[in-house]
């Protein structure tokens, strides 16, 4: 339970002194707050908002609450995985390795649940790439390229070429760029 929407909002006027000695009139809200229960949709909104602004602990708090209610929801698992991975790569956290492994476990649960579709393969490869495990990420990106669904083929080809550029192998990078990103 947290404080939520306003039960009533009345205003009172107050005379204030502005800079330069002038007198102005300001409106001061007087609010009575009531306690409300957050709905599931609000928890999703808060989790997405906090994840987008980089507050992964707050995002995890809301999405873990939802995961307890809906343990087989793929979106919950994806948000938990993203939250743990991003929290694990931050330098100000003590148990970084545990967070990264927990996030990868949630990402692999998504892949196992949907039969390793192109989307789940790409998400897992992107998570490995983000963490810095480029050799494993390369293997999963190649699985995306060989998957019958070509939804993420361009992105996987681009990320493979980026991995090869980072490792100073420009010929292979150019090969993947011309083959998969030249459409």
N, C-alpha and C. Protein backbone atom coordinates (compact mmCIF):
# COMPACT_ATOMS: atom_id res chain seq x y z
N UNK A 1 0.84 -1.18 0.00
CA UNK A 1 0.00 0.00 0.00
C UNK A 1 0.89 1.24 0.00
N UNK A 2 0.59 2.14 -0.92
CA UNK A 2 1.30 3.40 -0.93
C UNK A 2 0.27 4.51 -1.07
N UNK A 3 0.73 5.73 -0.86
CA UNK A 3 -0.16 6.85 -1.03
C UNK A 3 -0.39 7.10 -2.50
N UNK A 4 -1.63 7.37 -2.87
CA UNK A 4 -1.97 7.46 -4.28
C UNK A 4 -2.75 8.71 -4.63
N UNK A 5 -3.77 8.56 -5.46
CA UNK A 5 -4.50 9.71 -5.99
C UNK A 5 -5.12 10.56 -4.90
N UNK A 6 -5.39 11.77 -5.24
CA UNK A 6 -5.90 12.72 -4.27
C UNK A 6 -7.38 12.46 -3.99
N UNK A 7 -7.72 12.44 -2.72
CA UNK A 7 -9.12 12.29 -2.34
C UNK A 7 -9.86 13.59 -2.60
N UNK A 8 -9.26 14.67 -2.24
CA UNK A 8 -9.82 15.97 -2.55
C UNK A 8 -8.66 16.95 -2.65
N UNK A 9 -8.85 18.00 -3.35
CA UNK A 9 -7.81 18.98 -3.52
C UNK A 9 -8.44 20.36 -3.41
N UNK A 10 -8.11 21.05 -2.38
CA UNK A 10 -8.58 22.42 -2.23
C UNK A 10 -7.38 23.33 -2.27
N UNK A 11 -7.59 24.56 -2.54
CA UNK A 11 -6.50 25.51 -2.65
C UNK A 11 -6.71 26.67 -1.70
N UNK A 12 -5.64 27.19 -1.21
CA UNK A 12 -5.71 28.40 -0.42
C UNK A 12 -4.77 29.42 -1.05
N UNK A 13 -5.12 30.64 -0.98
CA UNK A 13 -4.28 31.69 -1.55
C UNK A 13 -3.41 32.27 -0.45
N UNK A 14 -2.22 32.64 -0.82
CA UNK A 14 -1.29 33.18 0.14
C UNK A 14 -0.50 34.30 -0.51
N UNK A 15 -0.32 35.33 0.19
CA UNK A 15 0.47 36.44 -0.31
C UNK A 15 1.95 36.13 -0.08
N UNK A 16 2.76 36.26 -1.12
CA UNK A 16 4.19 35.98 -1.00
C UNK A 16 4.98 37.18 -1.45
N UNK A 17 6.19 37.25 -0.94
CA UNK A 17 7.09 38.33 -1.35
C UNK A 17 8.01 37.80 -2.43
N UNK A 18 7.99 38.43 -3.58
CA UNK A 18 8.83 38.01 -4.70
C UNK A 18 10.14 38.77 -4.64
N UNK A 19 11.05 38.42 -5.53
CA UNK A 19 12.32 39.12 -5.56
C UNK A 19 12.09 40.58 -5.94
N UNK A 20 12.84 41.46 -5.38
CA UNK A 20 12.69 42.89 -5.65
C UNK A 20 11.67 43.55 -4.75
N UNK A 21 11.16 42.83 -3.75
CA UNK A 21 10.22 43.42 -2.82
C UNK A 21 8.79 43.47 -3.30
N UNK A 22 8.50 42.90 -4.49
CA UNK A 22 7.13 42.93 -4.99
C UNK A 22 6.29 41.87 -4.28
N UNK A 23 5.03 42.13 -4.20
CA UNK A 23 4.12 41.20 -3.54
C UNK A 23 3.33 40.46 -4.63
N UNK A 24 3.28 39.14 -4.53
CA UNK A 24 2.53 38.34 -5.49
C UNK A 24 1.62 37.39 -4.74
N UNK A 25 0.73 36.79 -5.49
CA UNK A 25 -0.20 35.84 -4.90
C UNK A 25 0.07 34.46 -5.48
N UNK A 26 0.24 33.49 -4.63
CA UNK A 26 0.51 32.13 -5.08
C UNK A 26 -0.57 31.18 -4.62
N UNK A 27 -0.72 30.09 -5.34
CA UNK A 27 -1.72 29.11 -5.00
C UNK A 27 -1.03 27.93 -4.33
N UNK A 28 -1.39 27.60 -3.13
CA UNK A 28 -0.79 26.48 -2.42
C UNK A 28 -1.80 25.34 -2.35
N UNK A 29 -1.48 24.19 -2.90
CA UNK A 29 -2.42 23.08 -2.83
C UNK A 29 -2.44 22.47 -1.43
N UNK A 30 -3.60 22.18 -0.96
CA UNK A 30 -3.78 21.46 0.30
C UNK A 30 -4.42 20.14 -0.07
N UNK A 31 -3.69 19.06 0.11
CA UNK A 31 -4.14 17.76 -0.39
C UNK A 31 -4.34 16.78 0.75
N UNK A 32 -5.41 16.05 0.66
CA UNK A 32 -5.63 14.93 1.57
C UNK A 32 -5.40 13.66 0.78
N UNK A 33 -4.42 12.88 1.20
CA UNK A 33 -4.07 11.67 0.47
C UNK A 33 -4.78 10.48 1.09
N UNK A 34 -5.19 9.56 0.25
CA UNK A 34 -5.74 8.31 0.77
C UNK A 34 -4.87 7.16 0.29
N UNK A 35 -4.92 6.08 1.00
CA UNK A 35 -4.12 4.92 0.64
C UNK A 35 -4.89 4.09 -0.38
N UNK A 36 -4.18 3.69 -1.43
CA UNK A 36 -4.81 2.85 -2.46
C UNK A 36 -3.90 1.67 -2.75
N UNK A 37 -4.48 0.61 -3.24
CA UNK A 37 -3.74 -0.58 -3.65
C UNK A 37 -3.34 -0.41 -5.11
N UNK A 38 -2.07 -0.66 -5.43
CA UNK A 38 -1.63 -0.56 -6.81
C UNK A 38 -2.14 -1.76 -7.59
N UNK A 39 -2.63 -1.53 -8.80
CA UNK A 39 -3.08 -2.62 -9.65
C UNK A 39 -1.87 -3.22 -10.37
N UNK A 40 -2.11 -4.35 -10.99
CA UNK A 40 -1.03 -5.02 -11.71
C UNK A 40 -0.50 -4.16 -12.85
N UNK A 41 -1.39 -3.44 -13.52
CA UNK A 41 -0.96 -2.59 -14.62
C UNK A 41 -0.05 -1.46 -14.13
N UNK A 42 -0.35 -0.94 -12.97
CA UNK A 42 0.49 0.12 -12.40
C UNK A 42 1.86 -0.43 -12.04
N UNK A 43 1.91 -1.66 -11.53
CA UNK A 43 3.21 -2.28 -11.23
C UNK A 43 4.03 -2.43 -12.51
N UNK A 44 3.39 -2.87 -13.61
CA UNK A 44 4.09 -2.96 -14.89
C UNK A 44 4.62 -1.60 -15.32
N UNK A 45 3.78 -0.58 -15.21
CA UNK A 45 4.20 0.77 -15.62
C UNK A 45 5.38 1.25 -14.79
N UNK A 46 5.30 1.06 -13.47
CA UNK A 46 6.41 1.46 -12.62
C UNK A 46 7.68 0.68 -12.95
N UNK A 47 7.55 -0.63 -13.17
CA UNK A 47 8.72 -1.44 -13.49
C UNK A 47 9.37 -0.98 -14.78
N UNK A 48 8.57 -0.72 -15.80
CA UNK A 48 9.12 -0.25 -17.08
C UNK A 48 9.75 1.13 -16.94
N UNK A 49 9.09 2.00 -16.19
CA UNK A 49 9.62 3.35 -16.01
C UNK A 49 10.97 3.31 -15.28
N UNK A 50 11.02 2.59 -14.16
CA UNK A 50 12.26 2.54 -13.40
C UNK A 50 13.38 1.87 -14.19
N UNK A 51 13.03 0.86 -14.99
CA UNK A 51 14.04 0.20 -15.83
C UNK A 51 14.56 1.17 -16.89
N UNK A 52 13.68 2.00 -17.43
CA UNK A 52 14.11 2.92 -18.49
C UNK A 52 14.98 4.05 -17.97
N UNK A 53 14.82 4.42 -16.71
CA UNK A 53 15.63 5.51 -16.17
C UNK A 53 16.84 5.00 -15.38
N UNK A 54 17.06 3.68 -15.39
CA UNK A 54 18.26 3.14 -14.78
C UNK A 54 18.16 2.84 -13.30
N UNK A 55 16.96 2.78 -12.76
CA UNK A 55 16.80 2.44 -11.34
C UNK A 55 16.32 0.99 -11.27
N UNK A 56 17.27 0.08 -11.39
CA UNK A 56 16.95 -1.32 -11.56
C UNK A 56 16.47 -1.98 -10.27
N UNK A 57 16.91 -1.50 -9.12
CA UNK A 57 16.43 -2.05 -7.86
C UNK A 57 14.94 -1.77 -7.68
N UNK A 58 14.52 -0.55 -7.99
CA UNK A 58 13.10 -0.21 -7.89
C UNK A 58 12.28 -0.98 -8.92
N UNK A 59 12.84 -1.14 -10.12
CA UNK A 59 12.16 -1.91 -11.15
C UNK A 59 11.98 -3.37 -10.71
N UNK A 60 13.03 -3.94 -10.14
CA UNK A 60 12.96 -5.32 -9.68
C UNK A 60 11.93 -5.49 -8.57
N UNK A 61 11.80 -4.51 -7.71
CA UNK A 61 10.83 -4.60 -6.62
C UNK A 61 9.42 -4.76 -7.19
N UNK A 62 9.06 -3.96 -8.18
CA UNK A 62 7.71 -4.02 -8.75
C UNK A 62 7.50 -5.29 -9.58
N UNK A 63 8.49 -5.67 -10.35
CA UNK A 63 8.29 -6.81 -11.24
C UNK A 63 8.36 -8.14 -10.47
N UNK A 64 9.11 -8.20 -9.39
CA UNK A 64 9.12 -9.42 -8.58
C UNK A 64 7.79 -9.59 -7.87
N UNK A 65 7.17 -8.49 -7.47
CA UNK A 65 5.82 -8.55 -6.91
C UNK A 65 4.87 -9.18 -7.93
N UNK A 66 4.98 -8.77 -9.19
CA UNK A 66 4.12 -9.34 -10.23
C UNK A 66 4.49 -10.79 -10.52
N UNK A 67 5.77 -11.11 -10.46
CA UNK A 67 6.20 -12.47 -10.75
C UNK A 67 5.67 -13.46 -9.71
N UNK A 68 5.49 -13.01 -8.50
CA UNK A 68 4.90 -13.88 -7.48
C UNK A 68 3.44 -14.19 -7.81
N UNK A 69 2.73 -13.23 -8.40
CA UNK A 69 1.33 -13.47 -8.79
C UNK A 69 1.22 -14.27 -10.08
N UNK A 70 2.11 -13.99 -11.04
CA UNK A 70 2.06 -14.62 -12.36
C UNK A 70 3.42 -15.25 -12.67
N UNK A 71 3.71 -16.44 -12.12
CA UNK A 71 5.06 -17.00 -12.26
C UNK A 71 5.42 -17.45 -13.68
N UNK A 72 4.46 -17.64 -14.57
CA UNK A 72 4.76 -18.10 -15.92
C UNK A 72 4.68 -16.98 -16.95
N UNK A 73 4.59 -15.75 -16.50
CA UNK A 73 4.50 -14.62 -17.42
C UNK A 73 5.88 -14.32 -18.00
N UNK A 74 5.97 -14.34 -19.32
CA UNK A 74 7.24 -14.13 -20.00
C UNK A 74 7.74 -12.71 -19.82
N UNK A 75 6.85 -11.73 -19.85
CA UNK A 75 7.28 -10.34 -19.68
C UNK A 75 7.89 -10.11 -18.30
N UNK A 76 7.31 -10.73 -17.28
CA UNK A 76 7.89 -10.61 -15.93
C UNK A 76 9.30 -11.18 -15.91
N UNK A 77 9.48 -12.36 -16.51
CA UNK A 77 10.80 -12.97 -16.51
C UNK A 77 11.80 -12.13 -17.30
N UNK A 78 11.34 -11.54 -18.41
CA UNK A 78 12.23 -10.69 -19.20
C UNK A 78 12.66 -9.46 -18.41
N UNK A 79 11.72 -8.81 -17.75
CA UNK A 79 12.05 -7.62 -16.97
C UNK A 79 12.95 -7.96 -15.78
N UNK A 80 12.72 -9.11 -15.16
CA UNK A 80 13.59 -9.52 -14.05
C UNK A 80 14.99 -9.80 -14.58
N UNK A 81 15.08 -10.50 -15.70
CA UNK A 81 16.39 -10.79 -16.28
C UNK A 81 17.14 -9.53 -16.65
N UNK A 82 16.46 -8.60 -17.31
CA UNK A 82 17.09 -7.33 -17.69
C UNK A 82 17.52 -6.55 -16.45
N UNK A 83 16.65 -6.52 -15.45
CA UNK A 83 16.97 -5.78 -14.23
C UNK A 83 18.19 -6.34 -13.52
N UNK A 84 18.24 -7.66 -13.37
CA UNK A 84 19.39 -8.27 -12.69
C UNK A 84 20.67 -8.10 -13.50
N UNK A 85 20.59 -8.25 -14.82
CA UNK A 85 21.81 -8.10 -15.63
C UNK A 85 22.33 -6.68 -15.55
N UNK A 86 21.45 -5.70 -15.70
CA UNK A 86 21.91 -4.32 -15.64
C UNK A 86 22.40 -3.95 -14.24
N UNK A 87 21.76 -4.49 -13.23
CA UNK A 87 22.22 -4.21 -11.87
C UNK A 87 23.58 -4.86 -11.64
N UNK A 88 23.80 -6.02 -12.26
CA UNK A 88 25.06 -6.71 -12.09
C UNK A 88 26.23 -6.04 -12.78
N UNK A 89 25.99 -5.30 -13.85
CA UNK A 89 27.11 -4.64 -14.54
C UNK A 89 27.41 -3.27 -13.95
N UNK A 90 26.62 -2.82 -12.99
CA UNK A 90 26.94 -1.57 -12.32
C UNK A 90 28.10 -1.81 -11.35
N UNK A 91 28.99 -0.86 -11.27
CA UNK A 91 30.19 -1.05 -10.46
C UNK A 91 29.98 -0.78 -8.98
N UNK A 92 28.84 -0.25 -8.61
CA UNK A 92 28.63 0.11 -7.21
C UNK A 92 27.93 -0.98 -6.41
N UNK A 93 27.82 -2.16 -6.96
CA UNK A 93 27.09 -3.23 -6.29
C UNK A 93 28.06 -4.35 -5.94
N UNK A 94 27.93 -4.93 -4.76
CA UNK A 94 28.90 -5.89 -4.27
C UNK A 94 28.77 -7.28 -4.91
N UNK A 95 27.56 -7.76 -5.11
CA UNK A 95 27.34 -9.13 -5.60
C UNK A 95 26.98 -9.11 -7.08
N UNK A 96 27.88 -8.59 -7.87
CA UNK A 96 27.61 -8.41 -9.30
C UNK A 96 27.47 -9.74 -10.03
N UNK A 97 28.34 -10.69 -9.74
CA UNK A 97 28.32 -11.96 -10.45
C UNK A 97 27.02 -12.72 -10.20
N UNK A 98 26.54 -12.66 -8.98
CA UNK A 98 25.28 -13.34 -8.65
C UNK A 98 24.12 -12.71 -9.41
N UNK A 99 24.12 -11.39 -9.50
CA UNK A 99 23.06 -10.72 -10.24
C UNK A 99 23.10 -11.05 -11.72
N UNK A 100 24.28 -11.08 -12.31
CA UNK A 100 24.40 -11.40 -13.73
C UNK A 100 23.93 -12.82 -13.99
N UNK A 101 24.35 -13.77 -13.15
CA UNK A 101 23.93 -15.16 -13.33
C UNK A 101 22.43 -15.33 -13.13
N UNK A 102 21.86 -14.62 -12.17
CA UNK A 102 20.42 -14.69 -11.96
C UNK A 102 19.68 -14.15 -13.17
N UNK A 103 20.14 -13.04 -13.72
CA UNK A 103 19.52 -12.49 -14.91
C UNK A 103 19.61 -13.43 -16.09
N UNK A 104 20.77 -14.08 -16.28
CA UNK A 104 20.92 -15.04 -17.38
C UNK A 104 20.04 -16.27 -17.17
N UNK A 105 19.84 -16.67 -15.93
CA UNK A 105 18.95 -17.81 -15.65
C UNK A 105 17.52 -17.45 -16.07
N UNK A 106 17.06 -16.25 -15.72
CA UNK A 106 15.71 -15.85 -16.13
C UNK A 106 15.60 -15.75 -17.64
N UNK A 107 16.64 -15.25 -18.32
CA UNK A 107 16.60 -15.17 -19.77
C UNK A 107 16.58 -16.57 -20.40
N UNK A 108 17.30 -17.52 -19.81
CA UNK A 108 17.27 -18.88 -20.36
C UNK A 108 15.94 -19.57 -20.08
N UNK A 109 15.28 -19.23 -18.97
CA UNK A 109 13.95 -19.78 -18.71
C UNK A 109 12.95 -19.32 -19.77
N UNK A 110 13.10 -18.09 -20.24
CA UNK A 110 12.23 -17.60 -21.31
C UNK A 110 12.46 -18.43 -22.58
N UNK A 111 13.74 -18.68 -22.90
CA UNK A 111 14.05 -19.47 -24.08
C UNK A 111 13.53 -20.89 -24.00
N UNK A 112 13.65 -21.50 -22.84
CA UNK A 112 13.16 -22.86 -22.68
C UNK A 112 11.64 -22.91 -22.72
N UNK A 113 10.99 -21.88 -22.24
CA UNK A 113 9.53 -21.87 -22.22
C UNK A 113 8.94 -21.75 -23.62
N UNK A 114 9.57 -20.99 -24.50
CA UNK A 114 9.00 -20.82 -25.85
C UNK A 114 9.76 -21.59 -26.92
N UNK A 115 10.57 -22.53 -26.53
CA UNK A 115 11.24 -23.39 -27.50
C UNK A 115 12.36 -22.71 -28.25
N UNK A 116 13.03 -21.77 -27.64
CA UNK A 116 14.14 -21.03 -28.22
C UNK A 116 13.77 -20.45 -29.58
N UNK A 117 12.81 -19.57 -29.56
CA UNK A 117 12.43 -18.85 -30.78
C UNK A 117 13.54 -17.86 -31.14
N UNK A 118 13.40 -17.24 -32.30
CA UNK A 118 14.42 -16.27 -32.74
C UNK A 118 14.52 -15.11 -31.76
N UNK A 119 13.38 -14.69 -31.22
CA UNK A 119 13.38 -13.57 -30.27
C UNK A 119 14.11 -13.94 -28.98
N UNK A 120 13.82 -15.12 -28.44
CA UNK A 120 14.49 -15.51 -27.19
C UNK A 120 15.98 -15.77 -27.41
N UNK A 121 16.34 -16.33 -28.57
CA UNK A 121 17.76 -16.51 -28.88
C UNK A 121 18.48 -15.17 -28.97
N UNK A 122 17.83 -14.20 -29.66
CA UNK A 122 18.45 -12.88 -29.79
C UNK A 122 18.57 -12.20 -28.42
N UNK A 123 17.53 -12.28 -27.60
CA UNK A 123 17.58 -11.65 -26.27
C UNK A 123 18.69 -12.26 -25.42
N UNK A 124 18.84 -13.58 -25.49
CA UNK A 124 19.88 -14.23 -24.70
C UNK A 124 21.26 -13.85 -25.23
N UNK A 125 21.41 -13.81 -26.56
CA UNK A 125 22.69 -13.40 -27.14
C UNK A 125 23.01 -11.95 -26.79
N UNK A 126 22.01 -11.10 -26.81
CA UNK A 126 22.23 -9.69 -26.48
C UNK A 126 22.62 -9.54 -25.01
N UNK A 127 22.02 -10.34 -24.14
CA UNK A 127 22.39 -10.29 -22.72
C UNK A 127 23.83 -10.73 -22.53
N UNK A 128 24.23 -11.80 -23.21
CA UNK A 128 25.62 -12.25 -23.11
C UNK A 128 26.58 -11.21 -23.67
N UNK A 129 26.20 -10.58 -24.77
CA UNK A 129 27.03 -9.54 -25.38
C UNK A 129 27.16 -8.35 -24.42
N UNK A 130 26.08 -7.99 -23.77
CA UNK A 130 26.10 -6.86 -22.84
C UNK A 130 27.00 -7.13 -21.64
N UNK A 131 26.97 -8.36 -21.18
CA UNK A 131 27.79 -8.74 -20.02
C UNK A 131 29.26 -8.83 -20.40
N UNK A 132 29.56 -9.13 -21.66
CA UNK A 132 30.93 -9.20 -22.11
C UNK A 132 31.40 -10.60 -22.47
N UNK A 133 30.49 -11.55 -22.52
CA UNK A 133 30.84 -12.92 -22.90
C UNK A 133 30.62 -13.02 -24.41
N UNK A 134 31.56 -12.46 -25.16
CA UNK A 134 31.37 -12.30 -26.60
C UNK A 134 31.43 -13.61 -27.37
N UNK A 135 32.23 -14.57 -26.93
CA UNK A 135 32.32 -15.84 -27.66
C UNK A 135 31.00 -16.60 -27.60
N UNK A 136 30.37 -16.64 -26.43
CA UNK A 136 29.06 -17.29 -26.32
C UNK A 136 27.98 -16.49 -27.03
N UNK A 137 28.07 -15.17 -26.95
CA UNK A 137 27.11 -14.33 -27.65
C UNK A 137 27.18 -14.57 -29.15
N UNK A 138 28.38 -14.74 -29.67
CA UNK A 138 28.57 -15.00 -31.09
C UNK A 138 27.88 -16.28 -31.52
N UNK A 139 27.97 -17.32 -30.69
CA UNK A 139 27.30 -18.59 -31.01
C UNK A 139 25.78 -18.42 -31.05
N UNK A 140 25.22 -17.69 -30.09
CA UNK A 140 23.77 -17.49 -30.08
C UNK A 140 23.33 -16.58 -31.21
N UNK A 141 24.14 -15.59 -31.56
CA UNK A 141 23.80 -14.75 -32.72
C UNK A 141 23.79 -15.59 -34.00
N UNK A 142 24.72 -16.53 -34.12
CA UNK A 142 24.73 -17.40 -35.30
C UNK A 142 23.51 -18.31 -35.32
N UNK A 143 23.03 -18.73 -34.15
CA UNK A 143 21.78 -19.49 -34.10
C UNK A 143 20.61 -18.65 -34.59
N UNK A 144 20.62 -17.36 -34.26
CA UNK A 144 19.56 -16.46 -34.76
C UNK A 144 19.64 -16.35 -36.27
N UNK A 145 20.85 -16.27 -36.82
CA UNK A 145 21.00 -16.17 -38.27
C UNK A 145 20.51 -17.42 -38.98
N UNK A 146 20.67 -18.59 -38.36
CA UNK A 146 20.25 -19.84 -38.98
C UNK A 146 18.81 -20.22 -38.66
N UNK A 147 18.13 -19.42 -37.85
CA UNK A 147 16.74 -19.72 -37.47
C UNK A 147 15.83 -19.44 -38.66
N UNK A 148 14.78 -20.26 -38.84
CA UNK A 148 13.87 -20.03 -39.97
C UNK A 148 13.14 -18.68 -39.91
N UNK A 149 12.89 -18.20 -38.72
CA UNK A 149 12.24 -16.89 -38.57
C UNK A 149 13.31 -15.81 -38.72
N UNK A 150 13.14 -14.91 -39.67
CA UNK A 150 14.18 -13.91 -39.94
C UNK A 150 13.88 -12.56 -39.29
N UNK A 151 13.15 -12.61 -38.18
CA UNK A 151 12.76 -11.37 -37.50
C UNK A 151 13.95 -10.58 -37.00
N UNK A 152 14.93 -11.24 -36.41
CA UNK A 152 16.08 -10.56 -35.80
C UNK A 152 17.36 -10.78 -36.59
N UNK A 153 17.27 -11.19 -37.83
CA UNK A 153 18.46 -11.52 -38.62
C UNK A 153 19.36 -10.31 -38.84
N UNK A 154 18.78 -9.17 -39.19
CA UNK A 154 19.59 -7.97 -39.45
C UNK A 154 20.33 -7.55 -38.18
N UNK A 155 19.62 -7.52 -37.03
CA UNK A 155 20.24 -7.11 -35.77
C UNK A 155 21.35 -8.07 -35.34
N UNK A 156 21.10 -9.37 -35.55
CA UNK A 156 22.12 -10.36 -35.18
C UNK A 156 23.35 -10.20 -36.07
N UNK A 157 23.15 -9.98 -37.37
CA UNK A 157 24.28 -9.75 -38.26
C UNK A 157 25.06 -8.51 -37.89
N UNK A 158 24.34 -7.45 -37.54
CA UNK A 158 24.99 -6.21 -37.12
C UNK A 158 25.82 -6.43 -35.85
N UNK A 159 25.25 -7.12 -34.86
CA UNK A 159 25.97 -7.34 -33.61
C UNK A 159 27.17 -8.26 -33.80
N UNK A 160 27.05 -9.26 -34.69
CA UNK A 160 28.22 -10.11 -35.00
C UNK A 160 29.32 -9.27 -35.62
N UNK A 161 28.95 -8.39 -36.54
CA UNK A 161 29.98 -7.54 -37.15
C UNK A 161 30.62 -6.62 -36.11
N UNK A 162 29.84 -6.14 -35.15
CA UNK A 162 30.40 -5.30 -34.08
C UNK A 162 31.39 -6.09 -33.23
N UNK A 163 31.06 -7.36 -32.94
CA UNK A 163 31.98 -8.20 -32.16
C UNK A 163 33.30 -8.38 -32.92
N UNK A 164 33.21 -8.61 -34.24
CA UNK A 164 34.43 -8.79 -35.02
C UNK A 164 35.22 -7.49 -35.15
N UNK A 165 34.54 -6.36 -35.21
CA UNK A 165 35.25 -5.07 -35.24
C UNK A 165 36.00 -4.86 -33.92
N UNK A 166 35.35 -5.20 -32.81
CA UNK A 166 36.00 -5.05 -31.50
C UNK A 166 37.22 -5.97 -31.36
N UNK A 167 37.17 -7.12 -32.03
CA UNK A 167 38.31 -8.04 -31.95
C UNK A 167 39.31 -7.82 -33.10
N UNK A 168 39.14 -6.72 -33.84
CA UNK A 168 40.05 -6.31 -34.92
C UNK A 168 40.06 -7.27 -36.11
N UNK A 169 38.98 -8.02 -36.31
CA UNK A 169 38.85 -8.92 -37.46
C UNK A 169 37.91 -8.25 -38.46
N UNK A 170 38.45 -7.32 -39.23
CA UNK A 170 37.62 -6.50 -40.10
C UNK A 170 37.09 -7.25 -41.32
N UNK A 171 37.79 -8.28 -41.76
CA UNK A 171 37.30 -9.05 -42.91
C UNK A 171 36.01 -9.79 -42.59
N UNK A 172 36.00 -10.47 -41.45
CA UNK A 172 34.77 -11.16 -41.05
C UNK A 172 33.65 -10.16 -40.75
N UNK A 173 33.99 -9.03 -40.17
CA UNK A 173 32.98 -8.00 -39.90
C UNK A 173 32.35 -7.52 -41.20
N UNK A 174 33.18 -7.29 -42.21
CA UNK A 174 32.66 -6.84 -43.50
C UNK A 174 31.82 -7.93 -44.17
N UNK A 175 32.24 -9.18 -44.02
CA UNK A 175 31.48 -10.30 -44.58
C UNK A 175 30.06 -10.36 -44.02
N UNK A 176 29.96 -10.26 -42.69
CA UNK A 176 28.63 -10.31 -42.07
C UNK A 176 27.81 -9.06 -42.38
N UNK A 177 28.46 -7.93 -42.46
CA UNK A 177 27.74 -6.69 -42.82
C UNK A 177 27.16 -6.79 -44.23
N UNK A 178 27.97 -7.25 -45.18
CA UNK A 178 27.48 -7.35 -46.56
C UNK A 178 26.42 -8.42 -46.72
N UNK A 179 26.55 -9.49 -45.97
CA UNK A 179 25.62 -10.60 -46.14
C UNK A 179 24.26 -10.35 -45.47
N UNK A 180 24.27 -9.79 -44.25
CA UNK A 180 23.03 -9.70 -43.48
C UNK A 180 22.50 -8.28 -43.31
N UNK A 181 23.33 -7.28 -43.49
CA UNK A 181 22.88 -5.90 -43.22
C UNK A 181 22.80 -5.06 -44.49
N UNK A 182 22.91 -5.66 -45.63
CA UNK A 182 22.91 -4.91 -46.87
C UNK A 182 21.60 -5.11 -47.63
N UNK A 183 20.49 -5.02 -46.90
CA UNK A 183 19.20 -5.24 -47.56
C UNK A 183 18.38 -3.98 -47.67
